[in-house]
Amino acid sequence: MEIRLTKPEEIEGFGKSKSIRENGNEIRLEVMVFNILAQQFYDSIGFVNNSRIMSKQIT
């Protein structure tokens, strides 16, 4: 699992429910299909799948 925070205001506000309520009511994230542990973690804390991004290499 990788979480990137770059700006000081992002670091200070990360994980604060007050910040989430003020700026929206949903958290979205992307988890790679091969990252099973991250998928299980997010499933366990209430995240659900609501979209799927697919790709194909062009040769």
PDB file of N, CA and C in Angstrom:
ATOM      1  N   MET A   1       0.855  -1.168   0.000  1.00  0.00           N
ATOM      2  CA  MET A   1       0.000   0.000   0.000  1.00  0.00           C
ATOM      3  C   MET A   1       0.895   1.222   0.000  1.00  0.00           C
ATOM      4  N   GLU A   2       0.550   2.201  -0.832  1.00  0.00           N
ATOM      5  CA  GLU A   2       1.318   3.428  -0.904  1.00  0.00           C
ATOM      6  C   GLU A   2       0.381   4.618  -0.814  1.00  0.00           C
ATOM      7  N   ILE A   3       0.676   5.536   0.080  1.00  0.00           N
ATOM      8  CA  ILE A   3      -0.085   6.774   0.209  1.00  0.00           C
ATOM      9  C   ILE A   3       0.899   7.909   0.037  1.00  0.00           C
ATOM     10  N   ARG A   4       0.615   8.801  -0.904  1.00  0.00           N
ATOM     11  CA  ARG A   4       1.516   9.920  -1.152  1.00  0.00           C
ATOM     12  C   ARG A   4       0.862  11.221  -0.717  1.00  0.00           C
ATOM     13  N   LEU A   5       1.549  11.944   0.123  1.00  0.00           N
ATOM     14  CA  LEU A   5       1.119  13.269   0.553  1.00  0.00           C
ATOM     15  C   LEU A   5       2.279  14.208   0.287  1.00  0.00           C
ATOM     16  N   THR A   6       2.010  15.290  -0.440  1.00  0.00           N
ATOM     17  CA  THR A   6       3.114  16.156  -0.823  1.00  0.00           C
ATOM     18  C   THR A   6       3.021  17.550  -0.237  1.00  0.00           C
ATOM     19  N   LYS A   7       1.841  18.113  -0.150  1.00  0.00           N
ATOM     20  CA  LYS A   7       1.683  19.472   0.349  1.00  0.00           C
ATOM     21  C   LYS A   7       1.427  19.443   1.854  1.00  0.00           C
ATOM     22  N   PRO A   8       1.978  20.411   2.587  1.00  0.00           N
ATOM     23  CA  PRO A   8       1.751  20.427   4.045  1.00  0.00           C
ATOM     24  C   PRO A   8       0.275  20.400   4.425  1.00  0.00           C
ATOM     25  N   GLU A   9      -0.572  21.103   3.672  1.00  0.00           N
ATOM     26  CA  GLU A   9      -1.995  21.104   4.021  1.00  0.00           C
ATOM     27  C   GLU A   9      -2.634  19.741   3.796  1.00  0.00           C
ATOM     28  N   GLU A  10      -2.098  18.957   2.844  1.00  0.00           N
ATOM     29  CA  GLU A  10      -2.621  17.607   2.641  1.00  0.00           C
ATOM     30  C   GLU A  10      -2.230  16.721   3.821  1.00  0.00           C
ATOM     31  N   ILE A  11      -1.008  16.860   4.273  1.00  0.00           N
ATOM     32  CA  ILE A  11      -0.531  16.049   5.389  1.00  0.00           C
ATOM     33  C   ILE A  11      -1.311  16.386   6.658  1.00  0.00           C
ATOM     34  N   GLU A  12      -1.521  17.666   6.917  1.00  0.00           N
ATOM     35  CA  GLU A  12      -2.249  18.078   8.113  1.00  0.00           C
ATOM     36  C   GLU A  12      -3.699  17.617   8.087  1.00  0.00           C
ATOM     37  N   GLY A  13      -4.330  17.585   6.913  1.00  0.00           N
ATOM     38  CA  GLY A  13      -5.741  17.240   6.824  1.00  0.00           C
ATOM     39  C   GLY A  13      -6.014  15.779   6.562  1.00  0.00           C
ATOM     40  N   PHE A  14      -5.000  14.987   6.307  1.00  0.00           N
ATOM     41  CA  PHE A  14      -5.200  13.585   5.964  1.00  0.00           C
ATOM     42  C   PHE A  14      -5.836  12.837   7.119  1.00  0.00           C
ATOM     43  N   GLY A  15      -6.946  12.161   6.828  1.00  0.00           N
ATOM     44  CA  GLY A  15      -7.595  11.324   7.826  1.00  0.00           C
ATOM     45  C   GLY A  15      -8.523  12.050   8.774  1.00  0.00           C
ATOM     46  N   LYS A  16      -8.665  13.334   8.649  1.00  0.00           N
ATOM     47  CA  LYS A  16      -9.544  14.076   9.554  1.00  0.00           C
ATOM     48  C   LYS A  16     -10.954  14.113   8.978  1.00  0.00           C
ATOM     49  N   SER A  17     -11.899  13.565   9.694  1.00  0.00           N
ATOM     50  CA  SER A  17     -13.267  13.525   9.185  1.00  0.00           C
ATOM     51  C   SER A  17     -13.847  14.920   9.024  1.00  0.00           C
ATOM     52  N   LYS A  18     -13.422  15.873   9.835  1.00  0.00           N
ATOM     53  CA  LYS A  18     -13.914  17.244   9.685  1.00  0.00           C
ATOM     54  C   LYS A  18     -13.536  17.783   8.313  1.00  0.00           C
ATOM     55  N   SER A  19     -12.315  17.557   7.904  1.00  0.00           N
ATOM     56  CA  SER A  19     -11.854  18.005   6.593  1.00  0.00           C
ATOM     57  C   SER A  19     -12.666  17.350   5.483  1.00  0.00           C
ATOM     58  N   ILE A  20     -12.973  16.084   5.634  1.00  0.00           N
ATOM     59  CA  ILE A  20     -13.764  15.370   4.632  1.00  0.00           C
ATOM     60  C   ILE A  20     -15.167  15.959   4.546  1.00  0.00           C
ATOM     61  N   ARG A  21     -15.787  16.198   5.690  1.00  0.00           N
ATOM     62  CA  ARG A  21     -17.142  16.757   5.689  1.00  0.00           C
ATOM     63  C   ARG A  21     -17.169  18.140   5.053  1.00  0.00           C
ATOM     64  N   GLU A  22     -16.133  18.930   5.281  1.00  0.00           N
ATOM     65  CA  GLU A  22     -16.099  20.283   4.726  1.00  0.00           C
ATOM     66  C   GLU A  22     -15.843  20.278   3.223  1.00  0.00           C
ATOM     67  N   ASN A  23     -15.140  19.274   2.729  1.00  0.00           N
ATOM     68  CA  ASN A  23     -14.725  19.263   1.332  1.00  0.00           C
ATOM     69  C   ASN A  23     -15.445  18.222   0.485  1.00  0.00           C
ATOM     70  N   GLY A  24     -16.387  17.511   1.036  1.00  0.00           N
ATOM     71  CA  GLY A  24     -17.108  16.489   0.298  1.00  0.00           C
ATOM     72  C   GLY A  24     -17.542  15.388   1.246  1.00  0.00           C
ATOM     73  N   ASN A  25     -18.215  14.396   0.700  1.00  0.00           N
ATOM     74  CA  ASN A  25     -18.724  13.338   1.565  1.00  0.00           C
ATOM     75  C   ASN A  25     -18.271  11.955   1.115  1.00  0.00           C
ATOM     76  N   GLU A  26     -17.227  11.906   0.310  1.00  0.00           N
ATOM     77  CA  GLU A  26     -16.781  10.624  -0.220  1.00  0.00           C
ATOM     78  C   GLU A  26     -15.268  10.624  -0.380  1.00  0.00           C
ATOM     79  N   ILE A  27     -14.670   9.498  -0.084  1.00  0.00           N
ATOM     80  CA  ILE A  27     -13.247   9.298  -0.342  1.00  0.00           C
ATOM     81  C   ILE A  27     -13.141   8.287  -1.469  1.00  0.00           C
ATOM     82  N   ARG A  28     -12.363   8.620  -2.486  1.00  0.00           N
ATOM     83  CA  ARG A  28     -12.117   7.684  -3.586  1.00  0.00           C
ATOM     84  C   ARG A  28     -10.635   7.379  -3.643  1.00  0.00           C
ATOM     85  N   LEU A  29     -10.321   6.150  -3.959  1.00  0.00           N
ATOM     86  CA  LEU A  29      -8.923   5.783  -4.107  1.00  0.00           C
ATOM     87  C   LEU A  29      -8.789   4.717  -5.170  1.00  0.00           C
ATOM     88  N   GLU A  30      -7.583   4.555  -5.636  1.00  0.00           N
ATOM     89  CA  GLU A  30      -7.294   3.547  -6.654  1.00  0.00           C
ATOM     90  C   GLU A  30      -6.368   2.514  -6.040  1.00  0.00           C
ATOM     91  N   VAL A  31      -6.730   1.247  -6.207  1.00  0.00           N
ATOM     92  CA  VAL A  31      -5.907   0.144  -5.730  1.00  0.00           C
ATOM     93  C   VAL A  31      -5.623  -0.752  -6.926  1.00  0.00           C
ATOM     94  N   MET A  32      -4.368  -1.055  -7.140  1.00  0.00           N
ATOM     95  CA  MET A  32      -3.994  -1.898  -8.271  1.00  0.00           C
ATOM     96  C   MET A  32      -4.556  -3.306  -8.083  1.00  0.00           C
ATOM     97  N   VAL A  33      -4.924  -3.943  -9.189  1.00  0.00           N
ATOM     98  CA  VAL A  33      -5.586  -5.244  -9.138  1.00  0.00           C
ATOM     99  C   VAL A  33      -4.706  -6.308  -8.476  1.00  0.00           C
ATOM    100  N   PHE A  34      -3.397  -6.191  -8.589  1.00  0.00           N
ATOM    101  CA  PHE A  34      -2.494  -7.179  -8.000  1.00  0.00           C
ATOM    102  C   PHE A  34      -2.257  -6.948  -6.508  1.00  0.00           C
ATOM    103  N   ASN A  35      -2.728  -5.834  -5.963  1.00  0.00           N
ATOM    104  CA  ASN A  35      -2.478  -5.496  -4.563  1.00  0.00           C
ATOM    105  C   ASN A  35      -3.610  -6.035  -3.678  1.00  0.00           C
ATOM    106  N   ILE A  36      -3.607  -7.327  -3.515  1.00  0.00           N
ATOM    107  CA  ILE A  36      -4.678  -8.023  -2.795  1.00  0.00           C
ATOM    108  C   ILE A  36      -4.760  -7.579  -1.333  1.00  0.00           C
ATOM    109  N   LEU A  37      -3.618  -7.388  -0.678  1.00  0.00           N
ATOM    110  CA  LEU A  37      -3.642  -6.970   0.732  1.00  0.00           C
ATOM    111  C   LEU A  37      -4.309  -5.614   0.901  1.00  0.00           C
ATOM    112  N   ALA A  38      -4.023  -4.677   0.017  1.00  0.00           N
ATOM    113  CA  ALA A  38      -4.666  -3.361   0.102  1.00  0.00           C
ATOM    114  C   ALA A  38      -6.164  -3.491  -0.145  1.00  0.00           C
ATOM    115  N   GLN A  39      -6.557  -4.308  -1.116  1.00  0.00           N
ATOM    116  CA  GLN A  39      -7.982  -4.511  -1.384  1.00  0.00           C
ATOM    117  C   GLN A  39      -8.681  -5.065  -0.148  1.00  0.00           C
ATOM    118  N   GLN A  40      -8.066  -6.044   0.489  1.00  0.00           N
ATOM    119  CA  GLN A  40      -8.662  -6.633   1.687  1.00  0.00           C
ATOM    120  C   GLN A  40      -8.754  -5.613   2.817  1.00  0.00           C
ATOM    121  N   PHE A  41      -7.721  -4.799   2.970  1.00  0.00           N
ATOM    122  CA  PHE A  41      -7.740  -3.772   4.007  1.00  0.00           C
ATOM    123  C   PHE A  41      -8.888  -2.797   3.777  1.00  0.00           C
ATOM    124  N   TYR A  42      -8.993  -2.249   2.562  1.00  0.00           N
ATOM    125  CA  TYR A  42     -10.041  -1.266   2.293  1.00  0.00           C
ATOM    126  C   TYR A  42     -11.429  -1.890   2.374  1.00  0.00           C
ATOM    127  N   ASP A  43     -11.569  -3.145   1.940  1.00  0.00           N
ATOM    128  CA  ASP A  43     -12.842  -3.853   2.125  1.00  0.00           C
ATOM    129  C   ASP A  43     -13.203  -3.918   3.611  1.00  0.00           C
ATOM    130  N   SER A  44     -12.216  -4.204   4.448  1.00  0.00           N
ATOM    131  CA  SER A  44     -12.475  -4.401   5.878  1.00  0.00           C
ATOM    132  C   SER A  44     -12.894  -3.121   6.588  1.00  0.00           C
ATOM    133  N   ILE A  45     -12.561  -1.959   6.030  1.00  0.00           N
ATOM    134  CA  ILE A  45     -12.957  -0.703   6.680  1.00  0.00           C
ATOM    135  C   ILE A  45     -14.108  -0.016   5.956  1.00  0.00           C
ATOM    136  N   GLY A  46     -14.795  -0.780   5.082  1.00  0.00           N
ATOM    137  CA  GLY A  46     -16.044  -0.283   4.530  1.00  0.00           C
ATOM    138  C   GLY A  46     -16.020   0.276   3.124  1.00  0.00           C
ATOM    139  N   PHE A  47     -14.864   0.256   2.458  1.00  0.00           N
ATOM    140  CA  PHE A  47     -14.836   0.715   1.069  1.00  0.00           C
ATOM    141  C   PHE A  47     -15.490  -0.336   0.179  1.00  0.00           C
ATOM    142  N   VAL A  48     -16.120   0.107  -0.901  1.00  0.00           N
ATOM    143  CA  VAL A  48     -16.741  -0.797  -1.865  1.00  0.00           C
ATOM    144  C   VAL A  48     -16.262  -0.449  -3.268  1.00  0.00           C
ATOM    145  N   ASN A  49     -16.291  -1.446  -4.148  1.00  0.00           N
ATOM    146  CA  ASN A  49     -15.947  -1.212  -5.551  1.00  0.00           C
ATOM    147  C   ASN A  49     -17.101  -0.501  -6.230  1.00  0.00           C
ATOM    148  N   ASN A  50     -16.812   0.593  -6.927  1.00  0.00           N
ATOM    149  CA  ASN A  50     -17.883   1.266  -7.659  1.00  0.00           C
ATOM    150  C   ASN A  50     -17.488   1.614  -9.083  1.00  0.00           C
ATOM    151  N   SER A  51     -16.294   1.240  -9.493  1.00  0.00           N
ATOM    152  CA  SER A  51     -15.901   1.414 -10.889  1.00  0.00           C
ATOM    153  C   SER A  51     -14.759   0.464 -11.197  1.00  0.00           C
ATOM    154  N   ARG A  52     -14.485   0.339 -12.472  1.00  0.00           N
ATOM    155  CA  ARG A  52     -13.400  -0.534 -12.899  1.00  0.00           C
ATOM    156  C   ARG A  52     -12.721   0.114 -14.087  1.00  0.00           C
ATOM    157  N   ILE A  53     -11.416   0.232 -14.035  1.00  0.00           N
ATOM    158  CA  ILE A  53     -10.645   0.769 -15.144  1.00  0.00           C
ATOM    159  C   ILE A  53      -9.908  -0.400 -15.782  1.00  0.00           C
ATOM    160  N   MET A  54     -10.096  -0.567 -17.079  1.00  0.00           N
ATOM    161  CA  MET A  54      -9.445  -1.666 -17.779  1.00  0.00           C
ATOM    162  C   MET A  54      -8.518  -1.094 -18.838  1.00  0.00           C
ATOM    163  N   SER A  55      -7.493  -1.874 -19.183  1.00  0.00           N
ATOM    164  CA  SER A  55      -6.561  -1.423 -20.215  1.00  0.00           C
ATOM    165  C   SER A  55      -6.098  -2.604 -21.049  1.00  0.00           C
ATOM    166  N   LYS A  56      -5.533  -2.281 -22.192  1.00  0.00           N
ATOM    167  CA  LYS A  56      -4.991  -3.300 -23.083  1.00  0.00           C
ATOM    168  C   LYS A  56      -3.782  -2.711 -23.779  1.00  0.00           C
ATOM    169  N   GLN A  57      -2.695  -3.470 -23.803  1.00  0.00           N
ATOM    170  CA  GLN A  57      -1.501  -3.034 -24.502  1.00  0.00           C
ATOM    171  C   GLN A  57      -1.734  -3.136 -26.009  1.00  0.00           C
ATOM    172  N   ILE A  58      -1.355  -2.099 -26.728  1.00  0.00           N
ATOM    173  CA  ILE A  58      -1.472  -2.083 -28.188  1.00  0.00           C
ATOM    174  C   ILE A  58      -0.118  -2.473 -28.766  1.00  0.00           C
ATOM    175  N   THR A  59      -0.119  -3.526 -29.570  1.00  0.00           N
ATOM    176  CA  THR A  59       1.148  -3.963 -30.180  1.00  0.00           C
ATOM    177  C   THR A  59       1.080  -3.938 -31.685  1.00  0.00           C
TER     178      THR A  59
END
